[in-house]
Protein backbone atom coordinates (compact mmCIF):
# COMPACT_ATOMS: atom_id res chain seq x y z
CA MET A 1 68.44 110.12 149.71
CA LEU A 2 68.83 113.50 148.62
CA THR A 3 72.55 113.60 149.07
CA VAL A 4 73.00 110.63 146.62
CA PHE A 5 70.77 112.58 143.94
CA ILE A 6 73.17 115.63 144.86
CA VAL A 7 76.35 113.53 144.02
CA LEU A 8 74.91 111.91 140.84
CA VAL A 9 73.48 114.95 139.22
CA ALA A 10 77.18 116.91 140.36
CA LEU A 11 79.09 113.31 138.56
CA PHE A 12 76.49 114.12 135.53
CA VAL A 13 77.51 118.03 135.19
CA ILE A 14 81.36 117.02 135.55
CA ALA A 15 80.77 114.25 132.90
CA LEU A 16 79.40 116.89 130.56
CA MET A 17 81.92 119.24 131.28
CA VAL A 18 84.47 116.77 130.27
CA LYS A 19 82.77 116.01 127.43
CA THR A 20 82.55 119.32 126.15
CA HIS A 21 86.22 120.18 126.98
CA ASN A 22 87.08 117.08 124.70
CA GLU A 23 84.96 118.20 121.87
CA ARG A 24 86.49 121.74 121.89
CA ASN A 25 90.13 119.91 121.90
CA LYS A 26 89.15 117.67 119.31
CA ALA A 27 87.45 120.63 117.19
CA ALA A 28 90.62 122.55 117.81
CA ARG A 29 92.87 119.77 116.59
CA LEU A 30 90.89 119.19 113.24
CA SER A 31 91.10 123.03 112.49
CA ARG A 32 94.81 122.65 112.91
CA LEU A 33 95.06 119.69 110.88
CA SER A 34 93.10 121.81 108.06
CA LEU A 35 95.09 124.77 107.85
CA LYS A 36 98.11 122.27 107.80
CA ALA A 37 96.65 120.51 104.66
CA SER A 38 95.93 123.48 103.22
CA GLU A 39 99.61 125.28 103.55
CA ALA A 40 101.01 121.78 102.10
CA LEU A 41 98.75 122.22 98.77
CA VAL A 42 99.50 125.85 98.38
CA ASN A 43 103.33 124.94 98.74
CA ALA A 44 102.99 122.14 96.57
CA SER A 45 101.17 124.34 93.98
CA MET A 46 103.59 126.87 94.09
CA HIS A 47 106.60 124.36 93.80
CA LYS A 48 104.57 122.97 90.39
CA MET A 49 104.50 126.41 88.99
CA ARG A 50 108.19 127.40 89.59
CA LEU A 51 109.04 124.03 87.82
CA ALA A 52 106.90 124.87 85.51
CA SER A 53 109.15 127.58 84.81
CA MET A 54 112.26 126.54 84.66
CA SER A 55 113.99 124.81 82.10
CA PRO A 56 115.02 121.57 82.16
CA GLU A 57 118.14 121.91 83.09
CA GLU A 58 117.34 123.96 86.01
CA ALA A 59 114.64 121.59 87.09
CA PHE A 60 116.69 118.68 87.33
CA ILE A 61 119.45 120.52 89.54
CA GLU A 62 116.43 121.52 91.81
C-alpha cells in the first residue's frame, strides 16, 4: 500500500513538473511573438514615414 502511495505521489510530482515546463515554453513563445509583432509595427511605421517624405514619383518607384 505504501509503495502504491509513493508511486502515485511520484507521478503527481512528475506531472506538475511537465505542466510547469509547458507553461514556461508557452510564455517564452508568446514573448517571442509579441517581440516580432512590435518589430513589425516599428518597421511599418518607419516605412510609412519614409514614403510620406518622398515625392509621388519616388513613392511609385518604391
